[in-house]
Amino acid sequence: MGWDGDDLAGKAEEAFERQQAAADARANRGTSSVEERARSAKFESLRLSRSRIMSQLAAATNPAHRTMLERALQSINDQMEEG
């Protein structure tokens, strides 16, 4: 099994994002409202879903499956932009 540079870069980016999210959470601990925490939790859930779909998309070969994943990814991106 060889090294896939794109996969490795994606994993490094995910690790960085997790570290950044943890740092943000520590910085904001105790200072956020219930609504802010709910919004943050929703964003984290969307981010994780986006990461999972991107991984699946990288491995998908069936055109119909790729189309479905691309639509799901676009939906998540739209939700993340809305805030």
PDB file of N, CA and C in Angstrom:
ATOM      1  N   MET A   1       0.852  -1.175   0.000  1.00  0.00           N
ATOM      2  CA  MET A   1       0.000   0.000   0.000  1.00  0.00           C
ATOM      3  C   MET A   1       0.896   1.234   0.000  1.00  0.00           C
ATOM      4  N   GLY A   2       0.708   2.119  -0.949  1.00  0.00           N
ATOM      5  CA  GLY A   2       1.534   3.302  -1.067  1.00  0.00           C
ATOM      6  C   GLY A   2       0.969   4.479  -0.291  1.00  0.00           C
ATOM      7  N   TRP A   3       1.747   5.546  -0.286  1.00  0.00           N
ATOM      8  CA  TRP A   3       1.317   6.763   0.381  1.00  0.00           C
ATOM      9  C   TRP A   3       0.545   7.612  -0.597  1.00  0.00           C
ATOM     10  N   ASP A   4      -0.589   8.096  -0.202  1.00  0.00           N
ATOM     11  CA  ASP A   4      -1.387   8.990  -1.027  1.00  0.00           C
ATOM     12  C   ASP A   4      -1.220  10.393  -0.456  1.00  0.00           C
ATOM     13  N   GLY A   5      -0.523  11.247  -1.183  1.00  0.00           N
ATOM     14  CA  GLY A   5      -0.233  12.592  -0.698  1.00  0.00           C
ATOM     15  C   GLY A   5      -1.468  13.396  -0.385  1.00  0.00           C
ATOM     16  N   ASP A   6      -2.513  13.278  -1.243  1.00  0.00           N
ATOM     17  CA  ASP A   6      -3.749  14.019  -0.999  1.00  0.00           C
ATOM     18  C   ASP A   6      -4.420  13.532   0.273  1.00  0.00           C
ATOM     19  N   ASP A   7      -4.424  12.220   0.475  1.00  0.00           N
ATOM     20  CA  ASP A   7      -5.040  11.663   1.672  1.00  0.00           C
ATOM     21  C   ASP A   7      -4.278  12.110   2.908  1.00  0.00           C
ATOM     22  N   LEU A   8      -2.956  12.091   2.831  1.00  0.00           N
ATOM     23  CA  LEU A   8      -2.126  12.509   3.952  1.00  0.00           C
ATOM     24  C   LEU A   8      -2.340  13.993   4.257  1.00  0.00           C
ATOM     25  N   ALA A   9      -2.408  14.813   3.224  1.00  0.00           N
ATOM     26  CA  ALA A   9      -2.651  16.243   3.418  1.00  0.00           C
ATOM     27  C   ALA A   9      -4.026  16.475   4.031  1.00  0.00           C
ATOM     28  N   GLY A  10      -5.020  15.708   3.591  1.00  0.00           N
ATOM     29  CA  GLY A  10      -6.367  15.837   4.143  1.00  0.00           C
ATOM     30  C   GLY A  10      -6.399  15.477   5.613  1.00  0.00           C
ATOM     31  N   LYS A  11      -5.685  14.420   5.966  1.00  0.00           N
ATOM     32  CA  LYS A  11      -5.637  14.011   7.373  1.00  0.00           C
ATOM     33  C   LYS A  11      -4.925  15.057   8.218  1.00  0.00           C
ATOM     34  N   ALA A  12      -3.879  15.652   7.690  1.00  0.00           N
ATOM     35  CA  ALA A  12      -3.160  16.697   8.419  1.00  0.00           C
ATOM     36  C   ALA A  12      -4.062  17.912   8.615  1.00  0.00           C
ATOM     37  N   GLU A  13      -4.822  18.267   7.587  1.00  0.00           N
ATOM     38  CA  GLU A  13      -5.741  19.401   7.686  1.00  0.00           C
ATOM     39  C   GLU A  13      -6.828  19.125   8.725  1.00  0.00           C
ATOM     40  N   GLU A  14      -7.362  17.907   8.716  1.00  0.00           N
ATOM     41  CA  GLU A  14      -8.384  17.539   9.698  1.00  0.00           C
ATOM     42  C   GLU A  14      -7.819  17.631  11.116  1.00  0.00           C
ATOM     43  N   ALA A  15      -6.607  17.151  11.308  1.00  0.00           N
ATOM     44  CA  ALA A  15      -5.981  17.200  12.635  1.00  0.00           C
ATOM     45  C   ALA A  15      -5.802  18.656  13.074  1.00  0.00           C
ATOM     46  N   PHE A  16      -5.362  19.500  12.165  1.00  0.00           N
ATOM     47  CA  PHE A  16      -5.194  20.917  12.485  1.00  0.00           C
ATOM     48  C   PHE A  16      -6.532  21.546  12.856  1.00  0.00           C
ATOM     49  N   GLU A  17      -7.580  21.227  12.078  1.00  0.00           N
ATOM     50  CA  GLU A  17      -8.903  21.786  12.362  1.00  0.00           C
ATOM     51  C   GLU A  17      -9.410  21.324  13.723  1.00  0.00           C
ATOM     52  N   ARG A  18      -9.174  20.056  14.077  1.00  0.00           N
ATOM     53  CA  ARG A  18      -9.592  19.556  15.386  1.00  0.00           C
ATOM     54  C   ARG A  18      -8.851  20.298  16.497  1.00  0.00           C
ATOM     55  N   GLN A  19      -7.543  20.513  16.309  1.00  0.00           N
ATOM     56  CA  GLN A  19      -6.763  21.233  17.308  1.00  0.00           C
ATOM     57  C   GLN A  19      -7.255  22.673  17.444  1.00  0.00           C
ATOM     58  N   GLN A  20      -7.564  23.302  16.312  1.00  0.00           N
ATOM     59  CA  GLN A  20      -8.047  24.680  16.327  1.00  0.00           C
ATOM     60  C   GLN A  20      -9.405  24.765  17.013  1.00  0.00           C
ATOM     61  N   ALA A  21     -10.283  23.808  16.712  1.00  0.00           N
ATOM     62  CA  ALA A  21     -11.603  23.792  17.343  1.00  0.00           C
ATOM     63  C   ALA A  21     -11.475  23.594  18.853  1.00  0.00           C
ATOM     64  N   ALA A  22     -10.565  22.724  19.266  1.00  0.00           N
ATOM     65  CA  ALA A  22     -10.350  22.494  20.693  1.00  0.00           C
ATOM     66  C   ALA A  22      -9.808  23.751  21.368  1.00  0.00           C
ATOM     67  N   ALA A  23      -8.882  24.425  20.714  1.00  0.00           N
ATOM     68  CA  ALA A  23      -8.328  25.658  21.264  1.00  0.00           C
ATOM     69  C   ALA A  23      -9.406  26.733  21.370  1.00  0.00           C
ATOM     70  N   ASP A  24     -10.234  26.841  20.345  1.00  0.00           N
ATOM     71  CA  ASP A  24     -11.334  27.811  20.381  1.00  0.00           C
ATOM     72  C   ASP A  24     -12.302  27.489  21.511  1.00  0.00           C
ATOM     73  N   ALA A  25     -12.587  26.217  21.688  1.00  0.00           N
ATOM     74  CA  ALA A  25     -13.503  25.801  22.750  1.00  0.00           C
ATOM     75  C   ALA A  25     -12.932  26.149  24.122  1.00  0.00           C
ATOM     76  N   ARG A  26     -11.629  25.918  24.301  1.00  0.00           N
ATOM     77  CA  ARG A  26     -10.999  26.254  25.581  1.00  0.00           C
ATOM     78  C   ARG A  26     -11.034  27.760  25.825  1.00  0.00           C
ATOM     79  N   ALA A  27     -10.809  28.521  24.777  1.00  0.00           N
ATOM     80  CA  ALA A  27     -10.779  29.976  24.918  1.00  0.00           C
ATOM     81  C   ALA A  27     -12.165  30.526  25.247  1.00  0.00           C
ATOM     82  N   ASN A  28     -13.193  29.891  24.742  1.00  0.00           N
ATOM     83  CA  ASN A  28     -14.552  30.397  24.926  1.00  0.00           C
ATOM     84  C   ASN A  28     -15.306  29.704  26.055  1.00  0.00           C
ATOM     85  N   ARG A  29     -14.671  28.798  26.753  1.00  0.00           N
ATOM     86  CA  ARG A  29     -15.333  28.038  27.810  1.00  0.00           C
ATOM     87  C   ARG A  29     -15.867  28.990  28.880  1.00  0.00           C
ATOM     88  N   GLY A  30     -17.128  28.834  29.170  1.00  0.00           N
ATOM     89  CA  GLY A  30     -17.742  29.626  30.222  1.00  0.00           C
ATOM     90  C   GLY A  30     -18.174  31.014  29.806  1.00  0.00           C
ATOM     91  N   THR A  31     -17.853  31.430  28.598  1.00  0.00           N
ATOM     92  CA  THR A  31     -18.206  32.778  28.163  1.00  0.00           C
ATOM     93  C   THR A  31     -19.264  32.776  27.072  1.00  0.00           C
ATOM     94  N   SER A  32     -19.750  31.611  26.676  1.00  0.00           N
ATOM     95  CA  SER A  32     -20.712  31.576  25.583  1.00  0.00           C
ATOM     96  C   SER A  32     -22.107  31.270  26.099  1.00  0.00           C
ATOM     97  N   SER A  33     -23.066  31.743  25.367  1.00  0.00           N
ATOM     98  CA  SER A  33     -24.454  31.494  25.721  1.00  0.00           C
ATOM     99  C   SER A  33     -24.873  30.114  25.213  1.00  0.00           C
ATOM    100  N   VAL A  34     -26.047  29.704  25.607  1.00  0.00           N
ATOM    101  CA  VAL A  34     -26.583  28.418  25.153  1.00  0.00           C
ATOM    102  C   VAL A  34     -26.692  28.413  23.631  1.00  0.00           C
ATOM    103  N   GLU A  35     -27.139  29.528  23.060  1.00  0.00           N
ATOM    104  CA  GLU A  35     -27.290  29.610  21.605  1.00  0.00           C
ATOM    105  C   GLU A  35     -25.944  29.502  20.905  1.00  0.00           C
ATOM    106  N   GLU A  36     -24.931  30.151  21.457  1.00  0.00           N
ATOM    107  CA  GLU A  36     -23.596  30.090  20.848  1.00  0.00           C
ATOM    108  C   GLU A  36     -23.031  28.680  20.901  1.00  0.00           C
ATOM    109  N   ARG A  37     -23.250  27.996  22.024  1.00  0.00           N
ATOM    110  CA  ARG A  37     -22.768  26.615  22.139  1.00  0.00           C
ATOM    111  C   ARG A  37     -23.497  25.706  21.166  1.00  0.00           C
ATOM    112  N   ALA A  38     -24.802  25.909  21.004  1.00  0.00           N
ATOM    113  CA  ALA A  38     -25.572  25.100  20.058  1.00  0.00           C
ATOM    114  C   ALA A  38     -25.094  25.354  18.635  1.00  0.00           C
ATOM    115  N   ARG A  39     -24.839  26.607  18.307  1.00  0.00           N
ATOM    116  CA  ARG A  39     -24.353  26.963  16.967  1.00  0.00           C
ATOM    117  C   ARG A  39     -22.982  26.346  16.719  1.00  0.00           C
ATOM    118  N   SER A  40     -22.138  26.391  17.739  1.00  0.00           N
ATOM    119  CA  SER A  40     -20.808  25.807  17.627  1.00  0.00           C
ATOM    120  C   SER A  40     -20.888  24.293  17.447  1.00  0.00           C
ATOM    121  N   ALA A  41     -21.764  23.650  18.185  1.00  0.00           N
ATOM    122  CA  ALA A  41     -21.930  22.198  18.067  1.00  0.00           C
ATOM    123  C   ALA A  41     -22.447  21.824  16.681  1.00  0.00           C
ATOM    124  N   LYS A  42     -23.383  22.609  16.156  1.00  0.00           N
ATOM    125  CA  LYS A  42     -23.914  22.344  14.815  1.00  0.00           C
ATOM    126  C   LYS A  42     -22.815  22.503  13.771  1.00  0.00           C
ATOM    127  N   PHE A  43     -22.011  23.550  13.904  1.00  0.00           N
ATOM    128  CA  PHE A  43     -20.929  23.785  12.950  1.00  0.00           C
ATOM    129  C   PHE A  43     -19.917  22.646  13.001  1.00  0.00           C
ATOM    130  N   GLU A  44     -19.591  22.179  14.202  1.00  0.00           N
ATOM    131  CA  GLU A  44     -18.640  21.078  14.350  1.00  0.00           C
ATOM    132  C   GLU A  44     -19.198  19.816  13.706  1.00  0.00           C
ATOM    133  N   SER A  45     -20.478  19.571  13.893  1.00  0.00           N
ATOM    134  CA  SER A  45     -21.117  18.410  13.277  1.00  0.00           C
ATOM    135  C   SER A  45     -21.052  18.507  11.749  1.00  0.00           C
ATOM    136  N   LEU A  46     -21.339  19.694  11.214  1.00  0.00           N
ATOM    137  CA  LEU A  46     -21.270  19.896   9.766  1.00  0.00           C
ATOM    138  C   LEU A  46     -19.836  19.715   9.269  1.00  0.00           C
ATOM    139  N   ARG A  47     -18.873  20.214  10.025  1.00  0.00           N
ATOM    140  CA  ARG A  47     -17.470  20.091   9.626  1.00  0.00           C
ATOM    141  C   ARG A  47     -17.049  18.630   9.566  1.00  0.00           C
ATOM    142  N   LEU A  48     -17.456  17.850  10.556  1.00  0.00           N
ATOM    143  CA  LEU A  48     -17.119  16.434  10.560  1.00  0.00           C
ATOM    144  C   LEU A  48     -17.814  15.691   9.420  1.00  0.00           C
ATOM    145  N   SER A  49     -19.066  16.038   9.163  1.00  0.00           N
ATOM    146  CA  SER A  49     -19.784  15.426   8.046  1.00  0.00           C
ATOM    147  C   SER A  49     -19.113  15.764   6.725  1.00  0.00           C
ATOM    148  N   ARG A  50     -18.694  17.013   6.603  1.00  0.00           N
ATOM    149  CA  ARG A  50     -18.012  17.456   5.376  1.00  0.00           C
ATOM    150  C   ARG A  50     -16.722  16.663   5.171  1.00  0.00           C
ATOM    151  N   SER A  51     -15.979  16.480   6.236  1.00  0.00           N
ATOM    152  CA  SER A  51     -14.733  15.729   6.158  1.00  0.00           C
ATOM    153  C   SER A  51     -14.986  14.284   5.728  1.00  0.00           C
ATOM    154  N   ARG A  52     -16.003  13.666   6.316  1.00  0.00           N
ATOM    155  CA  ARG A  52     -16.334  12.279   5.985  1.00  0.00           C
ATOM    156  C   ARG A  52     -16.758  12.164   4.520  1.00  0.00           C
ATOM    157  N   ILE A  53     -17.584  13.089   4.060  1.00  0.00           N
ATOM    158  CA  ILE A  53     -18.053  13.047   2.668  1.00  0.00           C
ATOM    159  C   ILE A  53     -16.897  13.281   1.706  1.00  0.00           C
ATOM    160  N   MET A  54     -15.991  14.170   2.050  1.00  0.00           N
ATOM    161  CA  MET A  54     -14.839  14.411   1.176  1.00  0.00           C
ATOM    162  C   MET A  54     -13.981  13.151   1.057  1.00  0.00           C
ATOM    163  N   SER A  55     -13.819  12.426   2.151  1.00  0.00           N
ATOM    164  CA  SER A  55     -13.061  11.175   2.110  1.00  0.00           C
ATOM    165  C   SER A  55     -13.759  10.149   1.225  1.00  0.00           C
ATOM    166  N   GLN A  56     -15.070  10.047   1.383  1.00  0.00           N
ATOM    167  CA  GLN A  56     -15.834   9.111   0.558  1.00  0.00           C
ATOM    168  C   GLN A  56     -15.782   9.504  -0.915  1.00  0.00           C
ATOM    169  N   LEU A  57     -15.852  10.798  -1.179  1.00  0.00           N
ATOM    170  CA  LEU A  57     -15.811  11.285  -2.557  1.00  0.00           C
ATOM    171  C   LEU A  57     -14.469  10.965  -3.211  1.00  0.00           C
ATOM    172  N   ALA A  58     -13.394  11.059  -2.451  1.00  0.00           N
ATOM    173  CA  ALA A  58     -12.066  10.759  -2.990  1.00  0.00           C
ATOM    174  C   ALA A  58     -11.961   9.301  -3.420  1.00  0.00           C
ATOM    175  N   ALA A  59     -12.713   8.426  -2.762  1.00  0.00           N
ATOM    176  CA  ALA A  59     -12.632   6.996  -3.065  1.00  0.00           C
ATOM    177  C   ALA A  59     -13.740   6.510  -3.997  1.00  0.00           C
ATOM    178  N   ALA A  60     -14.763   7.328  -4.217  1.00  0.00           N
ATOM    179  CA  ALA A  60     -15.924   6.894  -5.001  1.00  0.00           C
ATOM    180  C   ALA A  60     -15.581   6.777  -6.481  1.00  0.00           C
ATOM    181  N   THR A  61     -16.043   5.689  -7.095  1.00  0.00           N
ATOM    182  CA  THR A  61     -15.824   5.488  -8.525  1.00  0.00           C
ATOM    183  C   THR A  61     -17.125   5.447  -9.313  1.00  0.00           C
ATOM    184  N   ASN A  62     -18.229   5.113  -8.667  1.00  0.00           N
ATOM    185  CA  ASN A  62     -19.516   5.046  -9.344  1.00  0.00           C
ATOM    186  C   ASN A  62     -20.028   6.466  -9.580  1.00  0.00           C
ATOM    187  N   PRO A  63     -20.335   6.823 -10.842  1.00  0.00           N
ATOM    188  CA  PRO A  63     -20.770   8.198 -11.142  1.00  0.00           C
ATOM    189  C   PRO A  63     -22.011   8.638 -10.356  1.00  0.00           C
ATOM    190  N   ALA A  64     -22.976   7.743 -10.175  1.00  0.00           N
ATOM    191  CA  ALA A  64     -24.180   8.107  -9.432  1.00  0.00           C
ATOM    192  C   ALA A  64     -23.850   8.374  -7.958  1.00  0.00           C
ATOM    193  N   HIS A  65     -22.968   7.575  -7.402  1.00  0.00           N
ATOM    194  CA  HIS A  65     -22.562   7.767  -6.007  1.00  0.00           C
ATOM    195  C   HIS A  65     -21.790   9.070  -5.863  1.00  0.00           C
ATOM    196  N   ARG A  66     -20.893   9.350  -6.813  1.00  0.00           N
ATOM    197  CA  ARG A  66     -20.134  10.603  -6.780  1.00  0.00           C
ATOM    198  C   ARG A  66     -21.070  11.802  -6.840  1.00  0.00           C
ATOM    199  N   THR A  67     -22.089  11.720  -7.707  1.00  0.00           N
ATOM    200  CA  THR A  67     -23.054  12.816  -7.839  1.00  0.00           C
ATOM    201  C   THR A  67     -23.783  13.048  -6.522  1.00  0.00           C
ATOM    202  N   MET A  68     -24.209  11.960  -5.883  1.00  0.00           N
ATOM    203  CA  MET A  68     -24.907  12.061  -4.606  1.00  0.00           C
ATOM    204  C   MET A  68     -23.999  12.695  -3.550  1.00  0.00           C
ATOM    205  N   LEU A  69     -22.731  12.269  -3.503  1.00  0.00           N
ATOM    206  CA  LEU A  69     -21.789  12.828  -2.540  1.00  0.00           C
ATOM    207  C   LEU A  69     -21.509  14.306  -2.820  1.00  0.00           C
ATOM    208  N   GLU A  70     -21.393  14.674  -4.087  1.00  0.00           N
ATOM    209  CA  GLU A  70     -21.155  16.071  -4.448  1.00  0.00           C
ATOM    210  C   GLU A  70     -22.320  16.949  -4.023  1.00  0.00           C
ATOM    211  N   ARG A  71     -23.549  16.445  -4.204  1.00  0.00           N
ATOM    212  CA  ARG A  71     -24.728  17.205  -3.771  1.00  0.00           C
ATOM    213  C   ARG A  71     -24.751  17.348  -2.252  1.00  0.00           C
ATOM    214  N   ALA A  72     -24.413  16.280  -1.546  1.00  0.00           N
ATOM    215  CA  ALA A  72     -24.375  16.331  -0.082  1.00  0.00           C
ATOM    216  C   ALA A  72     -23.312  17.325   0.382  1.00  0.00           C
ATOM    217  N   LEU A  73     -22.163  17.311  -0.270  1.00  0.00           N
ATOM    218  CA  LEU A  73     -21.089  18.229   0.075  1.00  0.00           C
ATOM    219  C   LEU A  73     -21.524  19.679  -0.160  1.00  0.00           C
ATOM    220  N   GLN A  74     -22.193  19.940  -1.278  1.00  0.00           N
ATOM    221  CA  GLN A  74     -22.666  21.294  -1.566  1.00  0.00           C
ATOM    222  C   GLN A  74     -23.685  21.748  -0.526  1.00  0.00           C
ATOM    223  N   SER A  75     -24.566  20.841  -0.123  1.00  0.00           N
ATOM    224  CA  SER A  75     -25.558  21.172   0.898  1.00  0.00           C
ATOM    225  C   SER A  75     -24.887  21.541   2.224  1.00  0.00           C
ATOM    226  N   ILE A  76     -23.893  20.768   2.606  1.00  0.00           N
ATOM    227  CA  ILE A  76     -23.175  21.055   3.851  1.00  0.00           C
ATOM    228  C   ILE A  76     -22.434  22.376   3.739  1.00  0.00           C
ATOM    229  N   ASN A  77     -21.779  22.618   2.606  1.00  0.00           N
ATOM    230  CA  ASN A  77     -21.075  23.892   2.413  1.00  0.00           C
ATOM    231  C   ASN A  77     -22.049  25.066   2.524  1.00  0.00           C
ATOM    232  N   ASP A  78     -23.234  24.921   1.929  1.00  0.00           N
ATOM    233  CA  ASP A  78     -24.238  25.984   2.002  1.00  0.00           C
ATOM    234  C   ASP A  78     -24.667  26.233   3.452  1.00  0.00           C
ATOM    235  N   GLN A  79     -24.872  25.169   4.198  1.00  0.00           N
ATOM    236  CA  GLN A  79     -25.286  25.300   5.602  1.00  0.00           C
ATOM    237  C   GLN A  79     -24.183  25.962   6.431  1.00  0.00           C
ATOM    238  N   MET A  80     -22.934  25.625   6.135  1.00  0.00           N
ATOM    239  CA  MET A  80     -21.829  26.221   6.877  1.00  0.00           C
ATOM    240  C   MET A  80     -21.708  27.715   6.572  1.00  0.00           C
ATOM    241  N   GLU A  81     -21.982  28.114   5.347  1.00  0.00           N
ATOM    242  CA  GLU A  81     -21.912  29.523   4.973  1.00  0.00           C
ATOM    243  C   GLU A  81     -23.021  30.327   5.638  1.00  0.00           C
ATOM    244  N   GLU A  82     -24.195  29.694   5.808  1.00  0.00           N
ATOM    245  CA  GLU A  82     -25.323  30.391   6.412  1.00  0.00           C
ATOM    246  C   GLU A  82     -25.054  30.693   7.882  1.00  0.00           C
ATOM    247  N   GLY A  83     -24.230  29.861   8.486  1.00  0.00           N
ATOM    248  CA  GLY A  83     -23.856  30.102   9.868  1.00  0.00           C
ATOM    249  C   GLY A  83     -24.716  29.351  10.769  1.00  0.00           C
TER     250      GLY A  83
END
